[in-house]
Amino acid sequence: MGASTTMTIRVTPDLKEKLGRLAENTRRTKSYLAAEAVEAYVNRELQIIEGIKRGLVDMEAGRVTPHDEVMARADQIIAEARQKRARRP
């Protein structure tokens, strides 16, 4: 692990107890597990935000497909899949 810094957070007693059990069962420290959880959460949220930003840029640039077209294509795909499934022996 690279350089690190200290951060204090507040959690419920129940969560602290669960984290303690998890640490014991995985032979990891509570600090390690908490850092891993925070990192996973932050990375996931940043990916969501970046995706939203890309979508907004596409929308502003006119790179969109009307809802009716998307739904018609989805209906077509579903109908074709059902037909294919019905033809199976």
C-alpha atoms as a PDB file:
ATOM      1  CA  MET A   1       0.000   0.000   0.000  1.00  0.00           C
ATOM      2  CA  GLY A   2       1.287   3.468  -0.859  1.00  0.00           C
ATOM      3  CA  ALA A   3       1.236   6.594   1.229  1.00  0.00           C
ATOM      4  CA  SER A   4      -1.822   7.109   3.372  1.00  0.00           C
ATOM      5  CA  THR A   5      -3.436   9.703   5.563  1.00  0.00           C
ATOM      6  CA  THR A   6      -5.769   9.518   8.535  1.00  0.00           C
ATOM      7  CA  MET A   7      -9.472  10.312   8.353  1.00  0.00           C
ATOM      8  CA  THR A   8     -12.057  10.058  11.106  1.00  0.00           C
ATOM      9  CA  ILE A   9     -15.630   8.960  10.381  1.00  0.00           C
ATOM     10  CA  ARG A  10     -18.672   8.316  12.531  1.00  0.00           C
ATOM     11  CA  VAL A  11     -20.545   5.021  12.216  1.00  0.00           C
ATOM     12  CA  THR A  12     -23.304   3.400  14.202  1.00  0.00           C
ATOM     13  CA  PRO A  13     -22.339   0.971  16.945  1.00  0.00           C
ATOM     14  CA  ASP A  14     -24.008  -1.785  14.897  1.00  0.00           C
ATOM     15  CA  LEU A  15     -21.876  -1.053  11.834  1.00  0.00           C
ATOM     16  CA  LYS A  16     -18.733  -0.903  13.963  1.00  0.00           C
ATOM     17  CA  GLU A  17     -19.557  -4.308  15.420  1.00  0.00           C
ATOM     18  CA  LYS A  18     -20.207  -5.783  11.965  1.00  0.00           C
ATOM     19  CA  LEU A  19     -16.943  -4.344  10.682  1.00  0.00           C
ATOM     20  CA  GLY A  20     -15.171  -5.906  13.644  1.00  0.00           C
ATOM     21  CA  ARG A  21     -16.678  -9.306  12.859  1.00  0.00           C
ATOM     22  CA  LEU A  22     -15.729  -8.989   9.218  1.00  0.00           C
ATOM     23  CA  ALA A  23     -12.187  -8.009  10.151  1.00  0.00           C
ATOM     24  CA  GLU A  24     -11.879 -10.980  12.460  1.00  0.00           C
ATOM     25  CA  ASN A  25     -13.267 -13.410   9.897  1.00  0.00           C
ATOM     26  CA  THR A  26     -11.079 -12.128   7.072  1.00  0.00           C
ATOM     27  CA  ARG A  27      -7.970 -11.542   9.169  1.00  0.00           C
ATOM     28  CA  ARG A  28      -7.859  -7.934   8.002  1.00  0.00           C
ATOM     29  CA  THR A  29      -7.890  -4.784  10.077  1.00  0.00           C
ATOM     30  CA  LYS A  30     -11.025  -2.684  10.415  1.00  0.00           C
ATOM     31  CA  SER A  31      -9.037   0.209   8.988  1.00  0.00           C
ATOM     32  CA  TYR A  32      -8.047  -1.805   5.903  1.00  0.00           C
ATOM     33  CA  LEU A  33     -11.616  -2.955   5.273  1.00  0.00           C
ATOM     34  CA  ALA A  34     -13.051   0.524   5.790  1.00  0.00           C
ATOM     35  CA  ALA A  35     -10.510   2.026   3.380  1.00  0.00           C
ATOM     36  CA  GLU A  36     -11.331  -0.641   0.780  1.00  0.00           C
ATOM     37  CA  ALA A  37     -15.057   0.031   1.144  1.00  0.00           C
ATOM     38  CA  VAL A  38     -14.656   3.799   0.860  1.00  0.00           C
ATOM     39  CA  GLU A  39     -12.422   3.420  -2.197  1.00  0.00           C
ATOM     40  CA  ALA A  40     -14.900   1.111  -3.942  1.00  0.00           C
ATOM     41  CA  TYR A  41     -17.782   3.482  -3.169  1.00  0.00           C
ATOM     42  CA  VAL A  42     -15.922   6.583  -4.341  1.00  0.00           C
ATOM     43  CA  ASN A  43     -14.755   4.898  -7.557  1.00  0.00           C
ATOM     44  CA  ARG A  44     -18.280   3.688  -8.357  1.00  0.00           C
ATOM     45  CA  GLU A  45     -19.837   7.093  -7.695  1.00  0.00           C
ATOM     46  CA  LEU A  46     -17.205   8.866  -9.806  1.00  0.00           C
ATOM     47  CA  GLN A  47     -17.893   6.465 -12.696  1.00  0.00           C
ATOM     48  CA  ILE A  48     -21.598   7.263 -12.449  1.00  0.00           C
ATOM     49  CA  ILE A  49     -20.950  11.009 -12.427  1.00  0.00           C
ATOM     50  CA  GLU A  50     -18.571  10.775 -15.402  1.00  0.00           C
ATOM     51  CA  GLY A  51     -21.163   8.746 -17.318  1.00  0.00           C
ATOM     52  CA  ILE A  52     -23.808  11.355 -16.627  1.00  0.00           C
ATOM     53  CA  LYS A  53     -21.459  14.109 -17.794  1.00  0.00           C
ATOM     54  CA  ARG A  54     -20.707  12.205 -21.028  1.00  0.00           C
ATOM     55  CA  GLY A  55     -24.423  11.757 -21.579  1.00  0.00           C
ATOM     56  CA  LEU A  56     -25.071  15.458 -21.099  1.00  0.00           C
ATOM     57  CA  VAL A  57     -22.332  16.330 -23.595  1.00  0.00           C
ATOM     58  CA  ASP A  58     -23.865  13.900 -26.102  1.00  0.00           C
ATOM     59  CA  MET A  59     -27.289  15.393 -25.510  1.00  0.00           C
ATOM     60  CA  GLU A  60     -26.030  18.948 -26.010  1.00  0.00           C
ATOM     61  CA  ALA A  61     -24.301  17.835 -29.222  1.00  0.00           C
ATOM     62  CA  GLY A  62     -27.520  16.274 -30.508  1.00  0.00           C
ATOM     63  CA  ARG A  63     -26.199  12.708 -30.303  1.00  0.00           C
ATOM     64  CA  VAL A  64     -29.452  11.231 -29.029  1.00  0.00           C
ATOM     65  CA  THR A  65     -32.022   8.689 -30.160  1.00  0.00           C
ATOM     66  CA  PRO A  66     -35.691   9.486 -29.619  1.00  0.00           C
ATOM     67  CA  HIS A  67     -37.445   7.354 -27.010  1.00  0.00           C
ATOM     68  CA  ASP A  68     -39.970   6.002 -29.521  1.00  0.00           C
ATOM     69  CA  GLU A  69     -37.159   4.691 -31.751  1.00  0.00           C
ATOM     70  CA  VAL A  70     -35.418   2.980 -28.850  1.00  0.00           C
ATOM     71  CA  MET A  71     -38.630   1.346 -27.664  1.00  0.00           C
ATOM     72  CA  ALA A  72     -39.522   0.179 -31.200  1.00  0.00           C
ATOM     73  CA  ARG A  73     -36.081  -1.416 -31.570  1.00  0.00           C
ATOM     74  CA  ALA A  74     -36.334  -3.055 -28.131  1.00  0.00           C
ATOM     75  CA  ASP A  75     -39.768  -4.448 -29.009  1.00  0.00           C
ATOM     76  CA  GLN A  76     -38.359  -5.802 -32.284  1.00  0.00           C
ATOM     77  CA  ILE A  77     -35.452  -7.521 -30.507  1.00  0.00           C
ATOM     78  CA  ILE A  78     -37.810  -9.084 -27.972  1.00  0.00           C
ATOM     79  CA  ALA A  79     -40.187 -10.303 -30.697  1.00  0.00           C
ATOM     80  CA  GLU A  80     -37.301 -11.839 -32.672  1.00  0.00           C
ATOM     81  CA  ALA A  81     -35.985 -13.590 -29.556  1.00  0.00           C
ATOM     82  CA  ARG A  82     -39.439 -15.006 -28.809  1.00  0.00           C
ATOM     83  CA  GLN A  83     -39.792 -16.263 -32.372  1.00  0.00           C
ATOM     84  CA  LYS A  84     -36.375 -17.899 -32.213  1.00  0.00           C
ATOM     85  CA  ARG A  85     -37.238 -19.529 -28.903  1.00  0.00           C
ATOM     86  CA  ALA A  86     -40.584 -20.813 -30.251  1.00  0.00           C
ATOM     87  CA  ARG A  87     -38.804 -22.523 -33.180  1.00  0.00           C
ATOM     88  CA  ARG A  88     -36.545 -24.555 -30.879  1.00  0.00           C
ATOM     89  CA  PRO A  89     -37.374 -28.243 -30.644  1.00  0.00           C
END
